[in-house]
Amino acid sequence: MRILSMPVRADDGTIIAVIQTGARLTSLAIAMRGVDQALLPLSPMALLICLSGAALLTHRALAPVRALTEAAEQLAATDLTCRLPEPGGDDELDRQAKVLNQMLSRLEASFTRQKRFTADASHELRTPLAVIKATTSLLLESELSAPQRQALTGADEAADRATRLVSDLLLLARTENGTLRVARQEVLLSDPLQCALTDALALHEGLAAPVLLDIPENLYVHTDPQLLVRLLSNLISNALRHTPAEGKVVVEATVGTTTLILTVTDTGEGIAPAHIEKLGQPFYRPDTARARTHGGAGLGLSLCKGIVTALQGELKVESKLAEGTRVTLILPL
């Protein structure tokens, strides 16, 4: 029952009576149950519509954040030319994107100056090193005392090491700034491989492990022969540097449908898993003392990765301690 009570007042405000009336709520309860029964089947649909609307609004609201995230994931450590999209409008996301783009511009300018300096410095150092090399080589052909010959021999060898380092730095700078020229031509694979093997063995004369070649005969590839020689020479030299004389280095070549697969496998000391991901960093050496003893500067694998990128290929390194290392090159035919 719903009861309504109303007081009846006299002229002076005193209550002289109370009027009460009541009504049953049965019909209202019946009507409400009817409404509930009618709306109950529609509840899942209404909930689905609400959820869909909420998801749509959330998707649209977070679209600028998602675009910023995707753009940031595409940024590379050595390629800062990409910029984050600016949503527009004077809100926090727009201001954040502008600040990040300004920071990227400053970093790009700094990296560009650094790469240009490395390339320019390496180029300028080639001439004086060539003069030093020519002078020491000329003096070594003359009559010298034993101490003089020993000192000049050391200077001559140091000039060779410095020349190789400067050449590697110049090539590395060109691979990083995208100015490395690739002159592709049809070459017999055995020719650049033999040149690379000769260069690598010359650096390890008398201490090198045997190098075994397993390549198909008369295999022609469409590539840059000079870059391929530099690439294979670095890989074979690195394998020889860390393989004892009683071990071996195996160079294999297989042909896929559209790719050439080259592998350089050694039975040397191997590389710890913690070092494998860092091997492509310039001047990085897992064992600094050992690398310096053998003359490594830590640029070999960095150069290899840069050359492989220029040749539109792929490089993979697999290694186990005390078992050896396997480097796989996948190059387009």
C-alpha atoms as a PDB file:
ATOM      1  CA  MET A   1       0.000   0.000   0.000  1.00  0.00           C
ATOM      2  CA  ARG A   2       1.061   3.544  -0.630  1.00  0.00           C
ATOM      3  CA  ILE A   3      -0.545   5.871   1.997  1.00  0.00           C
ATOM      4  CA  LEU A   4      -0.813   9.662   1.775  1.00  0.00           C
ATOM      5  CA  SER A   5      -1.491  11.664   4.992  1.00  0.00           C
ATOM      6  CA  MET A   6      -2.447  15.358   4.815  1.00  0.00           C
ATOM      7  CA  PRO A   7      -3.122  17.536   7.956  1.00  0.00           C
ATOM      8  CA  VAL A   8      -6.170  19.846   8.058  1.00  0.00           C
ATOM      9  CA  ARG A   9      -5.424  23.152   9.822  1.00  0.00           C
ATOM     10  CA  ALA A  10      -7.698  25.801  11.283  1.00  0.00           C
ATOM     11  CA  ASP A  11      -7.318  29.490  10.612  1.00  0.00           C
ATOM     12  CA  ASP A  12      -4.971  29.845  13.543  1.00  0.00           C
ATOM     13  CA  GLY A  13      -2.776  27.014  12.195  1.00  0.00           C
ATOM     14  CA  THR A  14      -3.759  24.317  14.604  1.00  0.00           C
ATOM     15  CA  ILE A  15      -4.290  20.817  13.218  1.00  0.00           C
ATOM     16  CA  ILE A  16      -7.880  19.852  13.600  1.00  0.00           C
ATOM     17  CA  ALA A  17      -7.879  16.673  11.509  1.00  0.00           C
ATOM     18  CA  VAL A  18      -5.781  14.385   9.351  1.00  0.00           C
ATOM     19  CA  ILE A  19      -7.012  13.012   6.066  1.00  0.00           C
ATOM     20  CA  GLN A  20      -5.496   9.730   4.914  1.00  0.00           C
ATOM     21  CA  THR A  21      -5.970   7.864   1.674  1.00  0.00           C
ATOM     22  CA  GLY A  22      -4.325   4.727   0.370  1.00  0.00           C
ATOM     23  CA  ALA A  23      -3.847   2.779  -2.840  1.00  0.00           C
ATOM     24  CA  ARG A  24      -2.696  -0.715  -3.554  1.00  0.00           C
ATOM     25  CA  LEU A  25       0.627  -1.105  -5.494  1.00  0.00           C
ATOM     26  CA  THR A  26      -0.329  -4.407  -7.040  1.00  0.00           C
ATOM     27  CA  SER A  27      -1.052  -2.974 -10.477  1.00  0.00           C
ATOM     28  CA  LEU A  28       2.167  -0.922 -10.402  1.00  0.00           C
ATOM     29  CA  ALA A  29       4.200  -3.993  -9.399  1.00  0.00           C
ATOM     30  CA  ILE A  30       2.597  -5.955 -12.212  1.00  0.00           C
ATOM     31  CA  ALA A  31       3.474  -3.183 -14.670  1.00  0.00           C
ATOM     32  CA  MET A  32       7.090  -3.028 -13.421  1.00  0.00           C
ATOM     33  CA  ARG A  33       7.451  -6.803 -13.710  1.00  0.00           C
ATOM     34  CA  GLY A  34       6.171  -6.540 -17.252  1.00  0.00           C
ATOM     35  CA  VAL A  35       8.775  -3.879 -18.041  1.00  0.00           C
ATOM     36  CA  ASP A  36      11.522  -6.022 -16.466  1.00  0.00           C
ATOM     37  CA  GLN A  37      10.452  -9.041 -18.480  1.00  0.00           C
ATOM     38  CA  ALA A  38      10.469  -6.957 -21.652  1.00  0.00           C
ATOM     39  CA  LEU A  39      13.911  -5.411 -21.000  1.00  0.00           C
ATOM     40  CA  LEU A  40      15.654  -8.577 -19.749  1.00  0.00           C
ATOM     41  CA  PRO A  41      16.148 -10.126 -23.222  1.00  0.00           C
ATOM     42  CA  LEU A  42      17.504  -6.788 -24.454  1.00  0.00           C
ATOM     43  CA  SER A  43      20.123  -6.504 -21.680  1.00  0.00           C
ATOM     44  CA  PRO A  44      22.886  -8.533 -23.456  1.00  0.00           C
ATOM     45  CA  MET A  45      22.366  -6.537 -26.629  1.00  0.00           C
ATOM     46  CA  ALA A  46      22.477  -3.269 -24.694  1.00  0.00           C
ATOM     47  CA  LEU A  47      25.633  -4.422 -22.884  1.00  0.00           C
ATOM     48  CA  LEU A  48      27.232  -5.401 -26.202  1.00  0.00           C
ATOM     49  CA  ILE A  49      26.385  -2.026 -27.701  1.00  0.00           C
ATOM     50  CA  CYS A  50      27.859  -0.245 -24.684  1.00  0.00           C
ATOM     51  CA  LEU A  51      31.042  -2.309 -24.802  1.00  0.00           C
ATOM     52  CA  SER A  52      31.408  -1.755 -28.541  1.00  0.00           C
ATOM     53  CA  GLY A  53      30.922   1.964 -28.117  1.00  0.00           C
ATOM     54  CA  ALA A  54      33.428   2.073 -25.280  1.00  0.00           C
ATOM     55  CA  ALA A  55      35.976   0.096 -27.334  1.00  0.00           C
ATOM     56  CA  LEU A  56      35.480   2.401 -30.325  1.00  0.00           C
ATOM     57  CA  LEU A  57      35.890   5.515 -28.221  1.00  0.00           C
ATOM     58  CA  THR A  58      38.957   4.047 -26.509  1.00  0.00           C
ATOM     59  CA  HIS A  59      40.474   3.052 -29.861  1.00  0.00           C
ATOM     60  CA  ARG A  60      39.952   6.534 -31.260  1.00  0.00           C
ATOM     61  CA  ALA A  61      41.225   8.185 -28.106  1.00  0.00           C
ATOM     62  CA  LEU A  62      44.404   6.069 -28.024  1.00  0.00           C
ATOM     63  CA  ALA A  63      45.086   6.220 -31.790  1.00  0.00           C
ATOM     64  CA  PRO A  64      47.627   9.078 -31.445  1.00  0.00           C
ATOM     65  CA  VAL A  65      49.443   7.193 -28.675  1.00  0.00           C
ATOM     66  CA  ARG A  66      49.542   4.044 -30.810  1.00  0.00           C
ATOM     67  CA  ALA A  67      50.870   5.992 -33.803  1.00  0.00           C
ATOM     68  CA  LEU A  68      53.634   7.498 -31.639  1.00  0.00           C
ATOM     69  CA  THR A  69      54.550   4.051 -30.310  1.00  0.00           C
ATOM     70  CA  GLU A  70      54.713   2.462 -33.781  1.00  0.00           C
ATOM     71  CA  ALA A  71      56.824   5.326 -35.106  1.00  0.00           C
ATOM     72  CA  ALA A  72      59.184   5.113 -32.139  1.00  0.00           C
ATOM     73  CA  GLU A  73      59.628   1.348 -32.702  1.00  0.00           C
ATOM     74  CA  GLN A  74      60.771   2.019 -36.275  1.00  0.00           C
ATOM     75  CA  LEU A  75      63.592   4.268 -35.130  1.00  0.00           C
ATOM     76  CA  ALA A  76      67.008   2.626 -35.374  1.00  0.00           C
ATOM     77  CA  ALA A  77      70.094   3.455 -33.376  1.00  0.00           C
ATOM     78  CA  THR A  78      71.964   4.462 -36.534  1.00  0.00           C
ATOM     79  CA  ASP A  79      69.030   5.876 -38.543  1.00  0.00           C
ATOM     80  CA  LEU A  80      67.379   8.873 -36.976  1.00  0.00           C
ATOM     81  CA  THR A  81      65.830  10.308 -40.134  1.00  0.00           C
ATOM     82  CA  CYS A  82      62.321   9.157 -39.139  1.00  0.00           C
ATOM     83  CA  ARG A  83      60.114  11.522 -37.183  1.00  0.00           C
ATOM     84  CA  LEU A  84      57.170  10.894 -34.915  1.00  0.00           C
ATOM     85  CA  PRO A  85      53.760  11.961 -36.228  1.00  0.00           C
ATOM     86  CA  GLU A  86      52.377  15.080 -34.565  1.00  0.00           C
ATOM     87  CA  PRO A  87      48.673  14.568 -33.775  1.00  0.00           C
ATOM     88  CA  GLY A  88      47.857  18.264 -34.069  1.00  0.00           C
ATOM     89  CA  GLY A  89      46.056  20.366 -31.573  1.00  0.00           C
ATOM     90  CA  ASP A  90      47.526  21.963 -28.514  1.00  0.00           C
ATOM     91  CA  ASP A  91      47.428  18.941 -26.201  1.00  0.00           C
ATOM     92  CA  GLU A  92      49.975  16.936 -24.253  1.00  0.00           C
ATOM     93  CA  LEU A  93      50.514  14.324 -26.980  1.00  0.00           C
ATOM     94  CA  ASP A  94      51.186  16.944 -29.626  1.00  0.00           C
ATOM     95  CA  ARG A  95      53.660  18.797 -27.409  1.00  0.00           C
ATOM     96  CA  GLN A  96      55.376  15.526 -26.487  1.00  0.00           C
ATOM     97  CA  ALA A  97      55.734  14.546 -30.160  1.00  0.00           C
ATOM     98  CA  LYS A  98      57.203  17.948 -31.011  1.00  0.00           C
ATOM     99  CA  VAL A  99      59.728  17.722 -28.160  1.00  0.00           C
ATOM    100  CA  LEU A 100      60.777  14.206 -29.208  1.00  0.00           C
ATOM    101  CA  ASN A 101      61.135  15.275 -32.849  1.00  0.00           C
ATOM    102  CA  GLN A 102      63.322  18.193 -31.819  1.00  0.00           C
ATOM    103  CA  MET A 103      65.484  15.816 -29.790  1.00  0.00           C
ATOM    104  CA  LEU A 104      65.745  13.427 -32.757  1.00  0.00           C
ATOM    105  CA  SER A 105      66.803  16.306 -35.000  1.00  0.00           C
ATOM    106  CA  ARG A 106      69.596  17.236 -32.609  1.00  0.00           C
ATOM    107  CA  LEU A 107      70.723  13.597 -32.320  1.00  0.00           C
ATOM    108  CA  GLU A 108      70.652  13.166 -36.104  1.00  0.00           C
ATOM    109  CA  ALA A 109      72.754  16.286 -36.584  1.00  0.00           C
ATOM    110  CA  SER A 110      75.223  15.088 -33.954  1.00  0.00           C
ATOM    111  CA  PHE A 111      75.522  11.608 -35.483  1.00  0.00           C
ATOM    112  CA  THR A 112      75.938  13.104 -38.953  1.00  0.00           C
ATOM    113  CA  ARG A 113      78.767  15.328 -37.761  1.00  0.00           C
ATOM    114  CA  GLN A 114      80.400  12.354 -36.031  1.00  0.00           C
ATOM    115  CA  LYS A 115      80.205  10.158 -39.134  1.00  0.00           C
ATOM    116  CA  ARG A 116      81.486  12.970 -41.352  1.00  0.00           C
ATOM    117  CA  PHE A 117      84.377  13.591 -38.984  1.00  0.00           C
ATOM    118  CA  THR A 118      85.300   9.889 -38.961  1.00  0.00           C
ATOM    119  CA  ALA A 119      85.214   9.720 -42.749  1.00  0.00           C
ATOM    120  CA  ASP A 120      87.126  12.987 -43.228  1.00  0.00           C
ATOM    121  CA  ALA A 121      89.745  12.139 -40.606  1.00  0.00           C
ATOM    122  CA  SER A 122      90.272   8.667 -42.061  1.00  0.00           C
ATOM    123  CA  HIS A 123      90.604  10.101 -45.560  1.00  0.00           C
ATOM    124  CA  GLU A 124      93.119  12.732 -44.460  1.00  0.00           C
ATOM    125  CA  LEU A 125      95.225  10.178 -42.570  1.00  0.00           C
ATOM    126  CA  ARG A 126      95.724   7.975 -45.633  1.00  0.00           C
ATOM    127  CA  THR A 127      98.212  10.324 -47.289  1.00  0.00           C
ATOM    128  CA  PRO A 128     100.664  10.754 -44.380  1.00  0.00           C
ATOM    129  CA  LEU A 129     100.489   7.034 -43.657  1.00  0.00           C
ATOM    130  CA  ALA A 130     101.302   6.285 -47.280  1.00  0.00           C
ATOM    131  CA  VAL A 131     104.302   8.623 -47.043  1.00  0.00           C
ATOM    132  CA  ILE A 132     105.479   6.918 -43.845  1.00  0.00           C
ATOM    133  CA  LYS A 133     105.101   3.486 -45.435  1.00  0.00           C
ATOM    134  CA  ALA A 134     107.003   4.521 -48.560  1.00  0.00           C
ATOM    135  CA  THR A 135     109.797   6.060 -46.475  1.00  0.00           C
ATOM    136  CA  THR A 136     110.248   3.052 -44.188  1.00  0.00           C
ATOM    137  CA  SER A 137     110.130   0.631 -47.124  1.00  0.00           C
ATOM    138  CA  LEU A 138     112.779   2.680 -48.969  1.00  0.00           C
ATOM    139  CA  LEU A 139     115.059   2.898 -45.940  1.00  0.00           C
ATOM    140  CA  LEU A 140     114.787  -0.827 -45.256  1.00  0.00           C
ATOM    141  CA  GLU A 141     116.353  -1.489 -48.669  1.00  0.00           C
ATOM    142  CA  SER A 142     119.498   0.451 -47.739  1.00  0.00           C
ATOM    143  CA  GLU A 143     122.499  -0.462 -45.591  1.00  0.00           C
ATOM    144  CA  LEU A 144     121.440  -0.300 -41.924  1.00  0.00           C
ATOM    145  CA  SER A 145     122.730  -1.423 -38.608  1.00  0.00           C
ATOM    146  CA  ALA A 146     120.795  -4.061 -36.698  1.00  0.00           C
ATOM    147  CA  PRO A 147     119.182  -1.576 -34.249  1.00  0.00           C
ATOM    148  CA  GLN A 148     118.224   0.755 -37.106  1.00  0.00           C
ATOM    149  CA  ARG A 149     116.692  -2.079 -39.131  1.00  0.00           C
ATOM    150  CA  GLN A 150     114.786  -3.307 -36.107  1.00  0.00           C
ATOM    151  CA  ALA A 151     113.405   0.171 -35.405  1.00  0.00           C
ATOM    152  CA  LEU A 152     112.427   0.751 -39.039  1.00  0.00           C
ATOM    153  CA  THR A 153     110.831  -2.694 -39.258  1.00  0.00           C
ATOM    154  CA  GLY A 154     108.692  -1.864 -36.234  1.00  0.00           C
ATOM    155  CA  ALA A 155     107.726   1.472 -37.765  1.00  0.00           C
ATOM    156  CA  ASP A 156     106.920  -0.209 -41.082  1.00  0.00           C
ATOM    157  CA  GLU A 157     104.673  -2.782 -39.402  1.00  0.00           C
ATOM    158  CA  ALA A 158     102.998  -0.054 -37.344  1.00  0.00           C
ATOM    159  CA  ALA A 159     102.321   1.884 -40.557  1.00  0.00           C
ATOM    160  CA  ASP A 160     100.704  -1.229 -42.042  1.00  0.00           C
ATOM    161  CA  ARG A 161      98.459  -1.659 -38.996  1.00  0.00           C
ATOM    162  CA  ALA A 162      97.522   2.022 -38.980  1.00  0.00           C
ATOM    163  CA  THR A 163      96.766   1.918 -42.711  1.00  0.00           C
ATOM    164  CA  ARG A 164      94.475  -1.072 -42.260  1.00  0.00           C
ATOM    165  CA  LEU A 165      92.739   0.636 -39.334  1.00  0.00           C
ATOM    166  CA  VAL A 166      92.209   3.866 -41.277  1.00  0.00           C
ATOM    167  CA  SER A 167      90.934   1.912 -44.271  1.00  0.00           C
ATOM    168  CA  ASP A 168      88.501   0.028 -42.017  1.00  0.00           C
ATOM    169  CA  LEU A 169      87.310   3.265 -40.393  1.00  0.00           C
ATOM    170  CA  LEU A 170      86.720   4.877 -43.767  1.00  0.00           C
ATOM    171  CA  LEU A 171      84.795   1.865 -45.036  1.00  0.00           C
ATOM    172  CA  LEU A 172      82.788   1.684 -41.812  1.00  0.00           C
ATOM    173  CA  ALA A 173      81.871   5.368 -42.079  1.00  0.00           C
ATOM    174  CA  ARG A 174      80.688   4.841 -45.651  1.00  0.00           C
ATOM    175  CA  THR A 175      78.545   1.861 -44.679  1.00  0.00           C
ATOM    176  CA  GLU A 176      76.930   3.836 -41.851  1.00  0.00           C
ATOM    177  CA  ASN A 177      76.178   7.021 -43.781  1.00  0.00           C
ATOM    178  CA  GLY A 178      74.955   5.186 -46.868  1.00  0.00           C
ATOM    179  CA  THR A 179      77.669   6.416 -49.260  1.00  0.00           C
ATOM    180  CA  LEU A 180      79.224   2.998 -49.907  1.00  0.00           C
ATOM    181  CA  ARG A 181      79.095   2.297 -53.634  1.00  0.00           C
ATOM    182  CA  VAL A 182      78.076  -1.176 -54.746  1.00  0.00           C
ATOM    183  CA  ALA A 183      79.245  -2.178 -58.237  1.00  0.00           C
ATOM    184  CA  ARG A 184      77.556  -5.479 -58.996  1.00  0.00           C
ATOM    185  CA  GLN A 185      78.789  -7.750 -61.763  1.00  0.00           C
ATOM    186  CA  GLU A 186      78.862 -11.407 -62.694  1.00  0.00           C
ATOM    187  CA  VAL A 187      81.886 -13.014 -61.017  1.00  0.00           C
ATOM    188  CA  LEU A 188      83.082 -16.543 -60.498  1.00  0.00           C
ATOM    189  CA  LEU A 189      82.753 -17.136 -56.741  1.00  0.00           C
ATOM    190  CA  SER A 190      86.102 -18.932 -56.489  1.00  0.00           C
ATOM    191  CA  ASP A 191      87.987 -15.798 -57.633  1.00  0.00           C
ATOM    192  CA  PRO A 192      87.039 -13.412 -54.789  1.00  0.00           C
ATOM    193  CA  LEU A 193      87.201 -16.328 -52.350  1.00  0.00           C
ATOM    194  CA  GLN A 194      90.801 -17.111 -53.319  1.00  0.00           C
ATOM    195  CA  CYS A 195      91.735 -13.418 -53.035  1.00  0.00           C
ATOM    196  CA  ALA A 196      90.144 -13.237 -49.591  1.00  0.00           C
ATOM    197  CA  LEU A 197      91.931 -16.392 -48.499  1.00  0.00           C
ATOM    198  CA  THR A 198      95.289 -15.020 -49.685  1.00  0.00           C
ATOM    199  CA  ASP A 199      94.750 -11.733 -47.814  1.00  0.00           C
ATOM    200  CA  ALA A 200      93.709 -13.517 -44.626  1.00  0.00           C
ATOM    201  CA  LEU A 201      96.618 -15.971 -44.675  1.00  0.00           C
ATOM    202  CA  ALA A 202      99.086 -13.125 -45.239  1.00  0.00           C
ATOM    203  CA  LEU A 203      98.090 -11.666 -41.856  1.00  0.00           C
ATOM    204  CA  HIS A 204      98.598 -15.001 -40.077  1.00  0.00           C
ATOM    205  CA  GLU A 205     101.634 -16.371 -41.880  1.00  0.00           C
ATOM    206  CA  GLY A 206     103.184 -19.342 -40.099  1.00  0.00           C
ATOM    207  CA  LEU A 207     100.487 -19.468 -37.389  1.00  0.00           C
ATOM    208  CA  ALA A 208      97.367 -20.177 -39.366  1.00  0.00           C
ATOM    209  CA  ALA A 209      95.189 -23.238 -39.087  1.00  0.00           C
ATOM    210  CA  PRO A 210      94.364 -24.999 -42.377  1.00  0.00           C
ATOM    211  CA  VAL A 211      91.483 -23.502 -44.356  1.00  0.00           C
ATOM    212  CA  LEU A 212      89.277 -25.969 -46.231  1.00  0.00           C
ATOM    213  CA  LEU A 213      87.109 -24.787 -49.142  1.00  0.00           C
ATOM    214  CA  ASP A 214      83.872 -26.508 -50.107  1.00  0.00           C
ATOM    215  CA  ILE A 215      82.280 -24.542 -52.949  1.00  0.00           C
ATOM    216  CA  PRO A 216      80.533 -25.601 -56.159  1.00  0.00           C
ATOM    217  CA  GLU A 217      82.585 -25.394 -59.344  1.00  0.00           C
ATOM    218  CA  ASN A 218      81.816 -22.728 -61.940  1.00  0.00           C
ATOM    219  CA  LEU A 219      79.423 -20.920 -59.615  1.00  0.00           C
ATOM    220  CA  TYR A 220      78.759 -17.376 -60.800  1.00  0.00           C
ATOM    221  CA  VAL A 221      77.166 -14.764 -58.560  1.00  0.00           C
ATOM    222  CA  HIS A 222      75.928 -11.232 -59.202  1.00  0.00           C
ATOM    223  CA  THR A 223      77.662  -9.121 -56.567  1.00  0.00           C
ATOM    224  CA  ASP A 224      80.393  -6.573 -55.901  1.00  0.00           C
ATOM    225  CA  PRO A 225      83.654  -8.568 -56.024  1.00  0.00           C
ATOM    226  CA  GLN A 226      85.727  -6.054 -54.034  1.00  0.00           C
ATOM    227  CA  LEU A 227      83.203  -5.883 -51.200  1.00  0.00           C
ATOM    228  CA  LEU A 228      82.859  -9.664 -51.230  1.00  0.00           C
ATOM    229  CA  VAL A 229      86.654 -10.048 -50.943  1.00  0.00           C
ATOM    230  CA  ARG A 230      86.726  -7.610 -48.021  1.00  0.00           C
ATOM    231  CA  LEU A 231      83.828  -9.396 -46.362  1.00  0.00           C
ATOM    232  CA  LEU A 232      85.256 -12.913 -46.692  1.00  0.00           C
ATOM    233  CA  SER A 233      88.770 -11.759 -45.826  1.00  0.00           C
ATOM    234  CA  ASN A 234      87.550 -10.288 -42.529  1.00  0.00           C
ATOM    235  CA  LEU A 235      85.568 -13.403 -41.647  1.00  0.00           C
ATOM    236  CA  ILE A 236      88.375 -15.854 -42.512  1.00  0.00           C
ATOM    237  CA  SER A 237      90.975 -13.687 -40.747  1.00  0.00           C
ATOM    238  CA  ASN A 238      88.818 -13.499 -37.642  1.00  0.00           C
ATOM    239  CA  ALA A 239      88.319 -17.276 -37.678  1.00  0.00           C
ATOM    240  CA  LEU A 240      92.080 -17.840 -38.024  1.00  0.00           C
ATOM    241  CA  ARG A 241      92.818 -15.374 -35.238  1.00  0.00           C
ATOM    242  CA  HIS A 242      90.836 -17.403 -32.721  1.00  0.00           C
ATOM    243  CA  THR A 243      91.616 -20.917 -33.981  1.00  0.00           C
ATOM    244  CA  PRO A 244      94.766 -22.790 -32.930  1.00  0.00           C
ATOM    245  CA  ALA A 245      97.121 -24.168 -35.566  1.00  0.00           C
ATOM    246  CA  GLU A 246      95.894 -27.718 -34.873  1.00  0.00           C
ATOM    247  CA  GLY A 247      92.306 -26.668 -35.566  1.00  0.00           C
ATOM    248  CA  LYS A 248      90.682 -25.900 -38.904  1.00  0.00           C
ATOM    249  CA  VAL A 249      88.538 -23.362 -40.711  1.00  0.00           C
ATOM    250  CA  VAL A 250      85.957 -24.491 -43.260  1.00  0.00           C
ATOM    251  CA  VAL A 251      84.413 -22.205 -45.889  1.00  0.00           C
ATOM    252  CA  GLU A 252      81.304 -23.637 -47.548  1.00  0.00           C
ATOM    253  CA  ALA A 253      78.966 -22.304 -50.207  1.00  0.00           C
ATOM    254  CA  THR A 254      75.506 -23.545 -51.122  1.00  0.00           C
ATOM    255  CA  VAL A 255      72.997 -22.124 -53.571  1.00  0.00           C
ATOM    256  CA  GLY A 256      69.327 -21.656 -52.814  1.00  0.00           C
ATOM    257  CA  THR A 257      66.532 -20.581 -55.115  1.00  0.00           C
ATOM    258  CA  THR A 258      67.456 -16.904 -55.033  1.00  0.00           C
ATOM    259  CA  THR A 259      70.239 -16.747 -52.463  1.00  0.00           C
ATOM    260  CA  LEU A 260      73.862 -17.692 -51.959  1.00  0.00           C
ATOM    261  CA  ILE A 261      74.628 -19.131 -48.518  1.00  0.00           C
ATOM    262  CA  LEU A 262      78.251 -18.838 -47.367  1.00  0.00           C
ATOM    263  CA  THR A 263      79.414 -20.236 -44.037  1.00  0.00           C
ATOM    264  CA  VAL A 264      82.747 -19.789 -42.280  1.00  0.00           C
ATOM    265  CA  THR A 265      83.125 -22.370 -39.508  1.00  0.00           C
ATOM    266  CA  ASP A 266      86.089 -22.703 -37.159  1.00  0.00           C
ATOM    267  CA  THR A 267      87.031 -25.070 -34.353  1.00  0.00           C
ATOM    268  CA  GLY A 268      88.445 -22.313 -32.173  1.00  0.00           C
ATOM    269  CA  GLU A 269      87.763 -21.068 -28.687  1.00  0.00           C
ATOM    270  CA  GLY A 270      84.201 -19.950 -29.335  1.00  0.00           C
ATOM    271  CA  ILE A 271      82.319 -16.951 -27.987  1.00  0.00           C
ATOM    272  CA  ALA A 272      80.279 -16.680 -24.809  1.00  0.00           C
ATOM    273  CA  PRO A 273      76.523 -16.106 -25.400  1.00  0.00           C
ATOM    274  CA  ALA A 274      76.695 -12.768 -23.542  1.00  0.00           C
ATOM    275  CA  HIS A 275      79.094 -11.395 -26.165  1.00  0.00           C
ATOM    276  CA  ILE A 276      77.425 -12.533 -29.387  1.00  0.00           C
ATOM    277  CA  GLU A 277      74.833  -9.741 -29.556  1.00  0.00           C
ATOM    278  CA  LYS A 278      77.537  -7.085 -28.968  1.00  0.00           C
ATOM    279  CA  LEU A 279      79.960  -8.308 -31.629  1.00  0.00           C
ATOM    280  CA  GLY A 280      78.655  -5.888 -34.257  1.00  0.00           C
ATOM    281  CA  GLN A 281      79.509  -2.836 -32.178  1.00  0.00           C
ATOM    282  CA  PRO A 282      82.609  -0.956 -33.413  1.00  0.00           C
ATOM    283  CA  PHE A 283      85.754  -1.560 -31.316  1.00  0.00           C
ATOM    284  CA  TYR A 284      83.985  -4.170 -29.198  1.00  0.00           C
ATOM    285  CA  ARG A 285      86.195  -7.127 -28.261  1.00  0.00           C
ATOM    286  CA  PRO A 286      85.095  -9.958 -25.944  1.00  0.00           C
ATOM    287  CA  ASP A 287      88.659 -10.304 -24.679  1.00  0.00           C
ATOM    288  CA  THR A 288      90.534  -7.004 -24.972  1.00  0.00           C
ATOM    289  CA  ALA A 289      93.900  -8.390 -23.961  1.00  0.00           C
ATOM    290  CA  ARG A 290      93.783 -11.298 -26.412  1.00  0.00           C
ATOM    291  CA  ALA A 291      92.512  -9.085 -29.256  1.00  0.00           C
ATOM    292  CA  ARG A 292      95.273  -6.558 -28.796  1.00  0.00           C
ATOM    293  CA  THR A 293      97.872  -9.333 -28.753  1.00  0.00           C
ATOM    294  CA  HIS A 294      96.627 -10.599 -32.102  1.00  0.00           C
ATOM    295  CA  GLY A 295      96.238  -7.132 -33.569  1.00  0.00           C
ATOM    296  CA  GLY A 296      92.444  -7.003 -33.753  1.00  0.00           C
ATOM    297  CA  ALA A 297      90.854  -3.572 -33.534  1.00  0.00           C
ATOM    298  CA  GLY A 298      87.277  -4.722 -33.009  1.00  0.00           C
ATOM    299  CA  LEU A 299      86.042  -3.433 -36.377  1.00  0.00           C
ATOM    300  CA  GLY A 300      85.919  -6.698 -38.329  1.00  0.00           C
ATOM    301  CA  LEU A 301      82.362  -7.805 -37.661  1.00  0.00           C
ATOM    302  CA  SER A 302      81.075  -4.208 -37.759  1.00  0.00           C
ATOM    303  CA  LEU A 303      82.493  -3.903 -41.273  1.00  0.00           C
ATOM    304  CA  CYS A 304      81.054  -7.274 -42.232  1.00  0.00           C
ATOM    305  CA  LYS A 305      77.566  -6.269 -41.093  1.00  0.00           C
ATOM    306  CA  GLY A 306      77.834  -2.958 -42.944  1.00  0.00           C
ATOM    307  CA  ILE A 307      78.954  -4.664 -46.159  1.00  0.00           C
ATOM    308  CA  VAL A 308      76.247  -7.321 -45.880  1.00  0.00           C
ATOM    309  CA  THR A 309      73.633  -4.589 -45.441  1.00  0.00           C
ATOM    310  CA  ALA A 310      74.969  -2.783 -48.512  1.00  0.00           C
ATOM    311  CA  LEU A 311      74.752  -6.055 -50.462  1.00  0.00           C
ATOM    312  CA  GLN A 312      71.165  -6.512 -49.210  1.00  0.00           C
ATOM    313  CA  GLY A 313      72.027  -9.708 -47.389  1.00  0.00           C
ATOM    314  CA  GLU A 314      71.938 -11.128 -43.888  1.00  0.00           C
ATOM    315  CA  LEU A 315      74.623 -12.206 -41.396  1.00  0.00           C
ATOM    316  CA  LYS A 316      74.184 -14.661 -38.518  1.00  0.00           C
ATOM    317  CA  VAL A 317      76.665 -15.706 -35.812  1.00  0.00           C
ATOM    318  CA  GLU A 318      76.434 -18.959 -33.850  1.00  0.00           C
ATOM    319  CA  SER A 319      79.058 -20.028 -31.344  1.00  0.00           C
ATOM    320  CA  LYS A 320      79.783 -22.355 -28.433  1.00  0.00           C
ATOM    321  CA  LEU A 321      82.623 -21.969 -25.998  1.00  0.00           C
ATOM    322  CA  ALA A 322      85.521 -24.387 -26.580  1.00  0.00           C
ATOM    323  CA  GLU A 323      83.776 -25.743 -29.707  1.00  0.00           C
ATOM    324  CA  GLY A 324      83.996 -23.000 -32.293  1.00  0.00           C
ATOM    325  CA  THR A 325      82.062 -20.361 -34.201  1.00  0.00           C
ATOM    326  CA  ARG A 326      79.911 -20.465 -37.311  1.00  0.00           C
ATOM    327  CA  VAL A 327      79.176 -17.318 -39.329  1.00  0.00           C
ATOM    328  CA  THR A 328      76.486 -17.586 -42.012  1.00  0.00           C
ATOM    329  CA  LEU A 329      76.118 -15.140 -44.900  1.00  0.00           C
ATOM    330  CA  ILE A 330      72.915 -15.066 -46.926  1.00  0.00           C
ATOM    331  CA  LEU A 331      73.410 -12.978 -50.079  1.00  0.00           C
ATOM    332  CA  PRO A 332      71.138 -12.478 -53.082  1.00  0.00           C
ATOM    333  CA  LEU A 333      72.238 -14.133 -56.295  1.00  0.00           C
END
